[in-house]
Amino acid sequence: MNKALGQIYWGYIFIFFRIHFGIDLLADPIGYFLIYSGCSKLIKAYPVAQKAKIVALIGAFISIPSVFVNLSETTLSFSWSTYAGLLFVVKMIMGYYLFTILKDVTKTFGDRALQQRTENTFKYYVAIHLIAFALLSFSMNVSENGVFILSLASAIGVLGMDIVFFFLVGAIRRVSPEQLRVNTFI
């Protein structure tokens, strides 16, 4: 299980970070493939991982153009901006399914504090990502300074929740009992 959670962790890092020098050095398709691989190892013990695996496979194919186009540029055409929004939605769906897996994993551990932490992080993660997505739809009706403030607030919120997600997966990896690694054959 620790290896599967490690692949999910590193896959999400690839999706989260963008290091763009002509091409994205931490390519999103590689991240989605790592998540796909990690979820594949969890399917027997946690059937909900099948849904995450499907979303990861879809994300791997959809995100191929993002390797070659710098989506963080401010002067993107409407079609590339729409594509960036689509990738944001796929990432949000991926996060939702990863949290469902993590909630099942923490139930298996029986650690009530970790279950509560996972549940609270999940609520904030979904809420902040949905608010950020909603703010993007209002940005066309706001002045230039307002768009900057909305974008900055959204980016800080999403960034913060992604970092909290990394810490949560790391905490779950550290707590995973030895007998679960053996009994689930992961």
Protein backbone atom coordinates (compact mmCIF):
# COMPACT_ATOMS: atom_id res chain seq x y z
CA MET A 1 0.00 0.00 0.00
CA ASN A 2 2.84 2.35 0.79
CA LYS A 3 4.16 2.03 -2.78
CA ALA A 4 0.72 2.71 -4.25
CA LEU A 5 0.26 5.79 -2.06
CA GLY A 6 3.77 6.90 -3.01
CA GLN A 7 2.90 6.70 -6.70
CA ILE A 8 -0.27 8.71 -6.09
CA TYR A 9 1.74 11.28 -4.13
CA TRP A 10 4.39 11.69 -6.84
CA GLY A 11 1.77 11.67 -9.58
CA TYR A 12 -0.05 14.55 -7.92
CA ILE A 13 3.24 16.44 -7.62
CA PHE A 14 3.73 16.08 -11.39
CA ILE A 15 0.22 17.43 -11.97
CA PHE A 16 0.64 20.24 -9.45
CA PHE A 17 3.98 21.69 -10.51
CA ARG A 18 4.68 23.27 -13.88
CA ILE A 19 8.32 23.74 -14.83
CA HIS A 20 8.11 24.98 -18.39
CA PHE A 21 11.24 25.40 -20.54
CA GLY A 22 9.87 24.86 -24.04
CA ILE A 23 8.12 21.79 -22.67
CA ASP A 24 6.73 21.00 -19.24
CA LEU A 25 9.50 19.08 -17.47
CA LEU A 26 7.07 17.66 -14.92
CA ALA A 27 4.53 16.55 -17.51
CA ASP A 28 0.92 16.09 -16.42
CA PRO A 29 0.48 12.86 -18.42
CA ILE A 30 3.30 11.26 -16.41
CA GLY A 31 1.59 12.37 -13.21
CA TYR A 32 -1.73 10.93 -14.29
CA PHE A 33 0.00 7.70 -15.30
CA LEU A 34 1.62 7.45 -11.85
CA ILE A 35 -1.79 7.94 -10.23
CA TYR A 36 -3.23 5.33 -12.61
CA SER A 37 -0.51 2.90 -11.58
CA GLY A 38 -1.02 3.57 -7.87
CA CYS A 39 -4.80 3.16 -8.14
CA SER A 40 -4.33 -0.10 -10.06
CA LYS A 41 -2.52 -1.51 -7.03
CA LEU A 42 -5.32 -0.46 -4.69
CA ILE A 43 -8.31 -1.86 -6.63
CA LYS A 44 -8.47 -5.24 -4.87
CA ALA A 45 -8.48 -3.72 -1.40
CA TYR A 46 -10.44 -0.55 -2.31
CA PRO A 47 -12.82 -0.97 -5.28
CA VAL A 48 -13.46 2.79 -5.43
CA ALA A 49 -9.93 3.08 -6.84
CA GLN A 50 -11.32 1.81 -10.17
CA LYS A 51 -13.07 5.16 -10.72
CA ALA A 52 -9.92 7.09 -9.88
CA LYS A 53 -7.99 4.85 -12.26
CA ILE A 54 -10.41 5.68 -15.11
CA VAL A 55 -10.20 9.42 -14.42
CA ALA A 56 -6.40 9.19 -14.31
CA LEU A 57 -6.36 7.45 -17.70
CA ILE A 58 -8.64 10.12 -19.19
CA GLY A 59 -6.50 12.83 -17.61
CA ALA A 60 -3.33 11.31 -19.08
CA PHE A 61 -4.71 11.56 -22.61
CA ILE A 62 -6.40 14.94 -22.22
CA SER A 63 -3.31 16.56 -20.71
CA ILE A 64 -0.89 15.64 -23.51
CA PRO A 65 -1.08 19.10 -25.18
CA SER A 66 -0.26 20.77 -21.84
CA VAL A 67 3.26 19.37 -22.12
CA PHE A 68 3.96 21.61 -25.11
CA VAL A 69 1.87 24.71 -24.32
CA ASN A 70 2.62 26.93 -21.35
CA LEU A 71 -0.85 27.24 -19.83
CA SER A 72 0.32 29.65 -17.16
CA GLU A 73 0.83 32.47 -19.69
CA THR A 74 -1.55 35.36 -19.27
CA THR A 75 -1.93 35.96 -23.02
CA LEU A 76 -3.49 32.64 -23.97
CA SER A 77 -6.18 32.49 -26.63
CA PHE A 78 -9.73 31.65 -25.64
CA SER A 79 -9.39 28.03 -26.77
CA TRP A 80 -6.26 27.45 -24.65
CA SER A 81 -7.90 29.18 -21.68
CA THR A 82 -10.89 26.87 -22.07
CA TYR A 83 -8.53 23.90 -22.27
CA ALA A 84 -6.78 25.05 -19.06
CA GLY A 85 -10.21 25.22 -17.40
CA LEU A 86 -10.94 21.67 -18.57
CA LEU A 87 -7.67 20.48 -17.05
CA PHE A 88 -8.61 22.21 -13.80
CA VAL A 89 -11.92 20.32 -13.76
CA VAL A 90 -10.19 16.99 -14.47
CA LYS A 91 -7.73 17.70 -11.64
CA MET A 92 -10.64 18.52 -9.33
CA ILE A 93 -12.44 15.27 -10.22
CA MET A 94 -9.18 13.37 -9.74
CA GLY A 95 -8.80 14.97 -6.30
CA TYR A 96 -12.35 13.97 -5.39
CA TYR A 97 -11.74 10.31 -6.22
CA LEU A 98 -8.36 10.30 -4.51
CA PHE A 99 -10.02 11.59 -1.36
CA THR A 100 -12.63 8.83 -1.52
CA ILE A 101 -9.77 6.32 -1.63
CA LEU A 102 -7.96 8.05 1.23
CA LYS A 103 -11.13 8.06 3.34
CA ASP A 104 -11.51 4.30 2.81
CA VAL A 105 -7.83 3.75 3.61
CA THR A 106 -8.06 5.69 6.88
CA LYS A 107 -11.19 3.73 7.87
CA THR A 108 -9.17 0.54 7.41
CA PHE A 109 -6.45 1.90 9.70
CA GLY A 110 -8.97 2.68 12.43
CA ASP A 111 -7.15 5.91 13.35
CA ARG A 112 -10.05 8.23 14.23
CA ALA A 113 -7.89 11.39 14.23
CA LEU A 114 -6.58 10.63 10.74
CA GLN A 115 -10.11 9.88 9.52
CA GLN A 116 -11.30 13.25 10.81
CA ARG A 117 -8.30 15.03 9.28
CA THR A 118 -8.99 13.39 5.92
CA GLU A 119 -12.69 14.29 6.07
CA ASN A 120 -12.00 17.93 6.99
CA THR A 121 -9.30 18.29 4.34
CA PHE A 122 -11.68 16.80 1.76
CA LYS A 123 -14.42 19.33 2.61
CA TYR A 124 -12.07 22.29 2.36
CA TYR A 125 -10.36 20.96 -0.77
CA VAL A 126 -13.63 20.59 -2.68
CA ALA A 127 -15.09 23.86 -1.40
CA ILE A 128 -12.02 25.96 -2.23
CA HIS A 129 -11.60 24.39 -5.67
CA LEU A 130 -15.30 24.98 -6.47
CA ILE A 131 -15.08 28.58 -5.26
CA ALA A 132 -11.96 29.14 -7.40
CA PHE A 133 -13.75 27.68 -10.41
CA ALA A 134 -16.79 29.90 -9.76
CA LEU A 135 -14.59 32.99 -9.42
CA LEU A 136 -13.13 32.27 -12.86
CA SER A 137 -16.59 32.53 -14.37
CA PHE A 138 -17.15 35.94 -12.75
CA SER A 139 -13.77 37.31 -13.80
CA MET A 140 -15.02 38.51 -17.18
CA ASN A 141 -17.45 40.90 -15.45
CA VAL A 142 -14.86 42.47 -13.17
CA SER A 143 -12.36 45.25 -13.85
CA GLU A 144 -8.72 44.43 -14.51
CA ASN A 145 -7.68 45.07 -10.90
CA GLY A 146 -10.58 42.97 -9.67
CA VAL A 147 -9.60 40.10 -11.96
CA PHE A 148 -6.08 40.21 -10.55
CA ILE A 149 -7.36 40.12 -6.97
CA LEU A 150 -9.81 37.28 -7.73
CA SER A 151 -7.13 35.31 -9.56
CA LEU A 152 -4.63 35.82 -6.77
CA ALA A 153 -7.12 34.79 -4.07
CA SER A 154 -8.13 31.71 -6.08
CA ALA A 155 -4.54 30.72 -6.75
CA ILE A 156 -3.55 31.07 -3.09
CA GLY A 157 -6.54 29.01 -1.95
CA VAL A 158 -5.96 26.23 -4.48
CA LEU A 159 -2.22 26.23 -3.82
CA GLY A 160 -2.81 25.98 -0.09
CA MET A 161 -5.22 23.07 -0.43
CA ASP A 162 -2.90 21.20 -2.78
CA ILE A 163 -0.08 21.53 -0.24
CA VAL A 164 -2.39 20.30 2.53
CA PHE A 165 -3.27 17.33 0.29
CA PHE A 166 0.44 16.48 -0.08
CA PHE A 167 0.89 16.55 3.69
CA LEU A 168 -2.19 14.38 4.18
CA VAL A 169 -1.00 11.67 1.77
CA GLY A 170 2.41 11.76 3.46
CA ALA A 171 0.80 11.32 6.88
CA ILE A 172 -1.28 8.39 5.67
CA ARG A 173 1.81 6.77 4.16
CA ARG A 174 3.65 7.08 7.50
CA VAL A 175 0.77 5.63 9.51
CA SER A 176 0.05 2.65 7.23
CA PRO A 177 0.31 -0.46 9.40
CA GLU A 178 2.63 -3.28 8.37
CA GLN A 179 -0.13 -5.90 8.48
CA LEU A 180 -2.17 -3.97 5.91
CA ARG A 181 0.79 -4.01 3.54
CA VAL A 182 0.91 -7.79 3.82
CA ASN A 183 -2.82 -8.61 4.01
CA THR A 184 -3.86 -6.52 1.01
CA PHE A 185 -0.90 -7.67 -1.12
CA ILE A 186 -0.25 -4.14 -2.24
